[in-house]
Amino acid sequence: MLIAYNNQQQLFLPYQYTRKALQRYRRQMKFYCPQCLEQVQLKIGNYNIPHFAHFTKNQCSQLFAEGESKIHLQGKVQLYEWLQKHGHQVKLEPYLKELSQRPDLLVTLDKEQFAVEFQCSTISHEKWHQRTMGYERNDIQAIWLFQTPQGKEAVNGIRKIRISPLLQKAFITTTDLPYLLTYNPVTAQFVYWTNLLHVHGYTFIGKVQKISVDQQHFPFYRPQRITQEEFQRYWQLYKQTCRQFAHNRLLHSKKGAQDPFLRNCYELNLSLTALPPYIGIKKEQLSLCLRASGK
């Protein structure tokens, strides 16, 4: 919990003060949860960002998701200050009584409201769906901003990407091809995974781009179309992936002749080493990729 009321019923954000000042305030003041109004404790450690916690576990403390990681607290603070810097009306951890939900950030822009959820931990599909529907029923647009997985932000350009089912929930579909936007508080960068073309399983081909928090805009920038030269890179990667898939299936399939893929190739008299490159790609996927490249 990054925010609480002090004795004067004023909202108090501890991360804005030095640890020495906070130690003095902790001796002089009492702090209260803005939701249940019970007294909370101010935690000032050397590792984590200063924050509040309930003295005893209750329903309110569950809504506040206490025990948040340092990276989660750090990311919320960075995003909050970034939105404030750009002059947006933003609230940090507001409790929405009619929804019984508490987004990380609530942004109001031109009479529209956006609930920004910076998600750093695993969340079930049921909980994700429930929270998303709760916002939408109250005319609030939900924006799920996941933490950039470790190692995923290092390489820019067009490449194969493995995207977990959890991250696939956050796909944005306002362009021809879906894209994913994540945030890395360590580098203070947004990472775009754009023009995502599904290959198989959790594997996609996409374009990875980074943008610093100072260069970002709200609502978030939308990615541009890929160029025709970039489309050629997509096509080469796709053909390589298809050949690798066939090679691995031939050598490592435990089903042998019972493998549907191998049996169909045999019945159609197709050589696994000379499969046509278009086999395996869905018509609608190729059409979307072509449109995304302006062809």
Protein backbone atom coordinates (compact mmCIF):
# COMPACT_ATOMS: atom_id res chain seq x y z
CA MET A 1 0.00 0.00 0.00
CA LEU A 2 1.62 3.23 -1.18
CA ILE A 3 -0.86 5.69 0.28
CA ALA A 4 -2.70 6.27 3.59
CA TYR A 5 -4.40 8.99 5.64
CA ASN A 6 -2.44 10.74 8.39
CA ASN A 7 -3.79 12.29 11.62
CA GLN A 8 -5.03 15.33 9.71
CA GLN A 9 -7.00 13.12 7.29
CA GLN A 10 -4.60 14.05 4.51
CA LEU A 11 -3.35 11.54 1.99
CA PHE A 12 0.26 10.67 2.73
CA LEU A 13 2.66 9.19 0.14
CA PRO A 14 5.76 7.96 2.01
CA TYR A 15 7.94 7.46 -1.08
CA GLN A 16 8.10 11.27 -1.46
CA TYR A 17 10.10 11.65 1.80
CA THR A 18 13.56 10.66 2.96
CA ARG A 19 13.86 7.70 5.31
CA LYS A 20 15.07 10.02 8.08
CA ALA A 21 11.94 12.17 7.73
CA LEU A 22 9.73 9.07 7.64
CA GLN A 23 11.25 7.77 10.86
CA ARG A 24 10.30 11.07 12.50
CA TYR A 25 6.77 10.99 11.06
CA ARG A 26 6.31 7.41 12.24
CA ARG A 27 6.99 8.52 15.82
CA GLN A 28 4.74 11.57 15.56
CA MET A 29 1.83 10.40 13.42
CA LYS A 30 -0.69 7.64 13.08
CA PHE A 31 -1.75 6.39 9.68
CA TYR A 32 -5.04 4.92 8.53
CA CYS A 33 -6.15 2.78 5.61
CA PRO A 34 -8.12 4.92 3.11
CA GLN A 35 -10.57 2.07 2.62
CA CYS A 36 -11.37 0.47 6.00
CA LEU A 37 -9.97 3.38 8.09
CA GLU A 38 -8.18 0.96 10.41
CA GLN A 39 -4.74 1.94 11.62
CA VAL A 40 -1.87 0.77 9.44
CA GLN A 41 1.87 0.61 9.99
CA LEU A 42 4.47 2.55 8.03
CA LYS A 43 7.23 0.22 6.84
CA ILE A 44 10.63 1.76 6.20
CA GLY A 45 13.13 -0.82 5.05
CA ASN A 46 16.45 -0.60 3.27
CA TYR A 47 15.33 -2.82 0.39
CA ASN A 48 11.71 -2.02 -0.40
CA ILE A 49 10.06 1.28 -1.21
CA PRO A 50 8.47 2.75 1.98
CA HIS A 51 4.84 1.63 2.16
CA PHE A 52 1.98 0.81 4.52
CA ALA A 53 0.56 -2.49 5.74
CA HIS A 54 -2.34 -3.53 7.95
CA PHE A 55 -1.44 -4.72 11.42
CA THR A 56 -3.71 -7.75 11.03
CA LYS A 57 -4.92 -9.57 7.93
CA ASN A 58 -8.48 -8.80 6.91
CA GLN A 59 -10.60 -8.51 3.79
CA CYS A 60 -9.28 -5.02 3.18
CA SER A 61 -5.65 -6.12 3.24
CA GLN A 62 -6.45 -8.73 0.60
CA LEU A 63 -7.83 -6.04 -1.70
CA PHE A 64 -4.63 -4.08 -1.21
CA ALA A 65 -2.53 -7.10 -2.27
CA GLU A 66 -0.07 -6.61 0.56
CA GLY A 67 3.31 -8.23 0.21
CA GLU A 68 3.91 -6.65 -3.18
CA SER A 69 7.37 -6.98 -4.66
CA LYS A 70 9.81 -4.12 -4.87
CA ILE A 71 9.50 -4.11 -8.66
CA HIS A 72 5.71 -3.76 -8.43
CA LEU A 73 5.86 -0.84 -6.00
CA GLN A 74 8.62 0.79 -8.03
CA GLY A 75 6.66 0.43 -11.28
CA LYS A 76 3.49 1.93 -9.81
CA VAL A 77 5.40 4.95 -8.51
CA GLN A 78 7.15 5.49 -11.85
CA LEU A 79 3.92 5.28 -13.83
CA TYR A 80 2.09 7.54 -11.38
CA GLU A 81 4.77 10.22 -11.55
CA TRP A 82 4.99 9.91 -15.35
CA LEU A 83 1.26 10.51 -15.74
CA GLN A 84 1.36 13.44 -13.31
CA LYS A 85 4.33 14.94 -15.16
CA HIS A 86 2.27 14.96 -18.35
CA GLY A 87 -0.57 16.76 -16.61
CA HIS A 88 -3.04 13.89 -16.49
CA GLN A 89 -5.62 13.49 -13.75
CA VAL A 90 -4.46 10.31 -12.04
CA LYS A 91 -5.18 8.59 -8.72
CA LEU A 92 -2.88 6.10 -7.05
CA GLU A 93 -4.52 2.92 -5.65
CA PRO A 94 -8.05 4.40 -5.47
CA TYR A 95 -10.75 2.18 -3.96
CA LEU A 96 -13.77 1.96 -6.28
CA LYS A 97 -16.55 1.15 -3.84
CA GLU A 98 -19.17 0.28 -6.44
CA LEU A 99 -16.81 -2.32 -7.94
CA SER A 100 -15.04 -3.44 -4.75
CA GLN A 101 -11.87 -3.14 -6.81
CA ARG A 102 -8.69 -1.16 -6.47
CA PRO A 103 -6.73 -0.47 -9.67
CA ASP A 104 -3.08 0.48 -9.41
CA LEU A 105 -3.84 3.73 -11.23
CA LEU A 106 -7.05 5.44 -12.33
CA VAL A 107 -6.63 7.97 -15.13
CA THR A 108 -9.32 10.41 -16.28
CA LEU A 109 -8.86 11.83 -19.76
CA ASP A 110 -11.53 13.81 -21.63
CA LYS A 111 -14.29 12.38 -19.39
CA GLU A 112 -13.06 8.83 -20.05
CA GLN A 113 -11.63 6.68 -17.29
CA PHE A 114 -8.80 4.17 -17.61
CA ALA A 115 -7.84 1.61 -14.97
CA VAL A 116 -4.15 0.79 -15.37
CA GLU A 117 -3.12 -2.50 -13.78
CA PHE A 118 0.63 -3.06 -13.60
CA GLN A 119 0.75 -6.84 -13.23
CA CYS A 120 3.95 -8.43 -11.92
CA SER A 121 2.66 -11.78 -10.66
CA THR A 122 0.67 -14.68 -11.99
CA ILE A 123 -3.07 -14.10 -12.18
CA SER A 124 -5.72 -16.72 -12.98
CA HIS A 125 -7.88 -16.32 -16.06
CA GLU A 126 -10.97 -16.19 -13.85
CA LYS A 127 -9.63 -13.34 -11.72
CA TRP A 128 -8.34 -11.44 -14.74
CA HIS A 129 -11.71 -11.78 -16.49
CA GLN A 130 -13.67 -10.83 -13.38
CA ARG A 131 -11.67 -7.66 -12.80
CA THR A 132 -11.76 -6.68 -16.48
CA MET A 133 -15.52 -7.15 -16.69
CA GLY A 134 -15.98 -5.18 -13.46
CA TYR A 135 -14.26 -2.17 -15.01
CA GLU A 136 -16.09 -2.46 -18.32
CA ARG A 137 -19.52 -2.68 -16.67
CA ASN A 138 -18.77 0.69 -15.10
CA ASP A 139 -17.53 2.32 -18.32
CA ILE A 140 -13.88 2.12 -17.28
CA GLN A 141 -11.38 0.92 -19.87
CA ALA A 142 -9.04 -1.68 -18.41
CA ILE A 143 -5.38 -1.50 -19.43
CA TRP A 144 -3.29 -4.48 -18.34
CA LEU A 145 0.37 -3.57 -18.38
CA PHE A 146 2.46 -6.63 -17.56
CA GLN A 147 6.01 -6.54 -16.29
CA THR A 148 8.48 -7.26 -19.09
CA PRO A 149 9.74 -10.84 -18.59
CA GLN A 150 13.45 -11.09 -17.87
CA GLY A 151 15.56 -11.40 -21.00
CA LYS A 152 12.71 -10.42 -23.32
CA GLU A 153 13.69 -6.74 -23.52
CA ALA A 154 17.29 -7.28 -24.57
CA VAL A 155 16.92 -7.82 -28.33
CA ASN A 156 15.22 -5.35 -30.66
CA GLY A 157 14.00 -6.16 -34.16
CA ILE A 158 12.00 -8.93 -35.80
CA ARG A 159 12.41 -12.32 -34.16
CA LYS A 160 10.67 -15.34 -32.74
CA ILE A 161 9.08 -14.73 -29.35
CA ARG A 162 7.61 -17.17 -26.85
CA ILE A 163 4.58 -15.62 -25.18
CA SER A 164 2.94 -17.32 -22.20
CA PRO A 165 -0.86 -17.73 -21.98
CA LEU A 166 -0.84 -15.14 -19.17
CA LEU A 167 0.72 -12.47 -21.40
CA GLN A 168 -1.56 -13.41 -24.29
CA LYS A 169 -4.48 -12.18 -22.17
CA ALA A 170 -3.06 -8.67 -22.50
CA PHE A 171 -2.94 -8.64 -26.31
CA ILE A 172 -4.18 -5.33 -27.75
CA THR A 173 -6.26 -5.79 -30.91
CA THR A 174 -6.84 -2.23 -32.10
CA THR A 175 -4.55 -2.76 -35.12
CA ASP A 176 -4.51 -5.31 -37.97
CA LEU A 177 -2.29 -7.66 -35.98
CA PRO A 178 -2.37 -7.93 -32.17
CA TYR A 179 0.42 -6.46 -30.13
CA LEU A 180 1.61 -6.54 -26.54
CA LEU A 181 2.87 -3.69 -24.37
CA THR A 182 4.90 -4.41 -21.24
CA TYR A 183 6.85 -2.24 -18.79
CA ASN A 184 10.25 -2.71 -17.16
CA PRO A 185 10.73 -0.54 -14.03
CA VAL A 186 14.44 -1.42 -13.83
CA THR A 187 15.18 0.29 -17.15
CA ALA A 188 12.11 2.61 -17.04
CA GLN A 189 11.19 1.42 -20.54
CA PHE A 190 8.05 0.27 -22.30
CA VAL A 191 8.60 -2.75 -24.54
CA TYR A 192 6.35 -3.23 -27.57
CA TRP A 193 5.90 -6.67 -29.12
CA THR A 194 4.07 -5.74 -32.32
CA ASN A 195 2.60 -7.29 -35.50
CA LEU A 196 2.41 -10.66 -33.74
CA LEU A 197 2.06 -13.58 -36.12
CA HIS A 198 1.19 -16.87 -34.41
CA VAL A 199 3.32 -19.80 -35.53
CA HIS A 200 2.49 -22.66 -33.17
CA GLY A 201 1.92 -23.23 -29.47
CA TYR A 202 3.28 -20.23 -27.57
CA THR A 203 5.58 -19.19 -30.43
CA PHE A 204 5.03 -15.97 -32.38
CA ILE A 205 7.01 -13.92 -34.86
CA GLY A 206 6.98 -10.25 -33.92
CA LYS A 207 8.81 -6.95 -33.91
CA VAL A 208 10.32 -5.89 -30.57
CA GLN A 209 10.80 -2.19 -29.85
CA LYS A 210 11.71 -0.25 -26.71
CA ILE A 211 10.64 3.27 -25.73
CA SER A 212 11.66 5.14 -22.58
CA VAL A 213 9.02 6.32 -20.14
CA ASP A 214 9.94 9.94 -20.97
CA GLN A 215 9.12 9.37 -24.65
CA GLN A 216 5.83 7.56 -24.06
CA HIS A 217 2.40 9.12 -24.51
CA PHE A 218 -0.96 8.46 -22.88
CA PRO A 219 -3.09 6.85 -24.21
CA PHE A 220 -0.17 4.69 -25.23
CA TYR A 221 1.32 5.00 -28.70
CA ARG A 222 0.07 2.49 -31.25
CA PRO A 223 2.66 0.66 -33.35
CA GLN A 224 3.17 1.46 -37.02
CA ARG A 225 2.88 -0.99 -39.88
CA ILE A 226 5.89 -3.05 -40.76
CA THR A 227 7.68 -2.21 -44.00
CA GLN A 228 7.85 -4.50 -47.03
CA GLU A 229 11.49 -5.24 -46.17
CA GLU A 230 10.42 -6.24 -42.64
CA PHE A 231 7.71 -8.45 -44.11
CA GLN A 232 10.43 -10.35 -46.00
CA ARG A 233 12.16 -10.99 -42.67
CA TYR A 234 8.84 -12.31 -41.29
CA TRP A 235 8.52 -14.64 -44.28
CA GLN A 236 12.08 -15.97 -43.93
CA LEU A 237 11.62 -16.61 -40.22
CA TYR A 238 8.33 -18.37 -40.86
CA LYS A 239 9.86 -20.71 -43.46
CA GLN A 240 12.78 -21.48 -41.12
CA THR A 241 10.34 -22.28 -38.33
CA CYS A 242 8.29 -24.58 -40.55
CA ARG A 243 11.39 -26.49 -41.64
CA GLN A 244 12.58 -26.79 -38.05
CA PHE A 245 9.13 -28.01 -36.96
CA ALA A 246 9.08 -30.74 -39.63
CA HIS A 247 12.67 -31.78 -38.83
CA ASN A 248 11.98 -32.06 -35.09
CA ARG A 249 8.71 -33.93 -35.69
CA LEU A 250 10.45 -36.46 -37.89
CA LEU A 251 13.30 -37.11 -35.47
CA HIS A 252 11.60 -36.78 -32.10
CA SER A 253 7.94 -37.78 -32.48
CA LYS A 254 7.21 -40.69 -30.13
CA LYS A 255 4.04 -41.66 -32.03
CA GLY A 256 5.83 -42.80 -35.16
CA ALA A 257 3.39 -43.73 -37.91
CA GLN A 258 0.51 -42.77 -35.60
CA ASP A 259 1.59 -39.13 -35.64
CA PRO A 260 -1.18 -37.34 -37.62
CA PHE A 261 1.27 -34.90 -39.21
CA LEU A 262 3.69 -37.60 -40.37
CA ARG A 263 0.85 -39.87 -41.57
CA ASN A 264 -0.73 -37.08 -43.62
CA CYS A 265 2.61 -36.26 -45.23
CA TYR A 266 3.05 -39.92 -46.12
CA GLU A 267 -0.48 -40.25 -47.56
CA LEU A 268 -0.04 -37.07 -49.62
CA ASN A 269 3.37 -38.24 -50.81
CA LEU A 270 5.04 -35.14 -49.39
CA SER A 271 8.73 -35.11 -48.48
CA LEU A 272 9.39 -33.53 -45.07
CA THR A 273 12.59 -32.01 -46.43
CA ALA A 274 10.80 -30.32 -49.34
CA LEU A 275 7.48 -29.15 -47.95
CA PRO A 276 6.00 -26.13 -49.74
CA PRO A 277 6.66 -23.02 -47.59
CA TYR A 278 2.99 -22.06 -47.42
CA ILE A 279 2.00 -25.26 -45.59
CA GLY A 280 1.04 -24.53 -42.01
CA ILE A 281 0.30 -20.83 -42.33
CA LYS A 282 -3.33 -19.87 -41.92
CA LYS A 283 -4.87 -17.85 -44.74
CA GLU A 284 -6.20 -15.16 -42.39
CA GLN A 285 -2.80 -14.80 -40.71
CA LEU A 286 -1.01 -14.28 -44.02
CA SER A 287 -3.69 -11.78 -45.09
CA LEU A 288 -3.29 -9.79 -41.86
CA CYS A 289 0.48 -9.80 -42.15
CA LEU A 290 0.29 -8.59 -45.74
CA ARG A 291 -2.07 -5.77 -44.74
CA ALA A 292 0.21 -4.84 -41.85
CA SER A 293 3.08 -4.42 -44.31
CA GLY A 294 0.98 -2.27 -46.63
CA LYS A 295 0.95 -4.86 -49.42
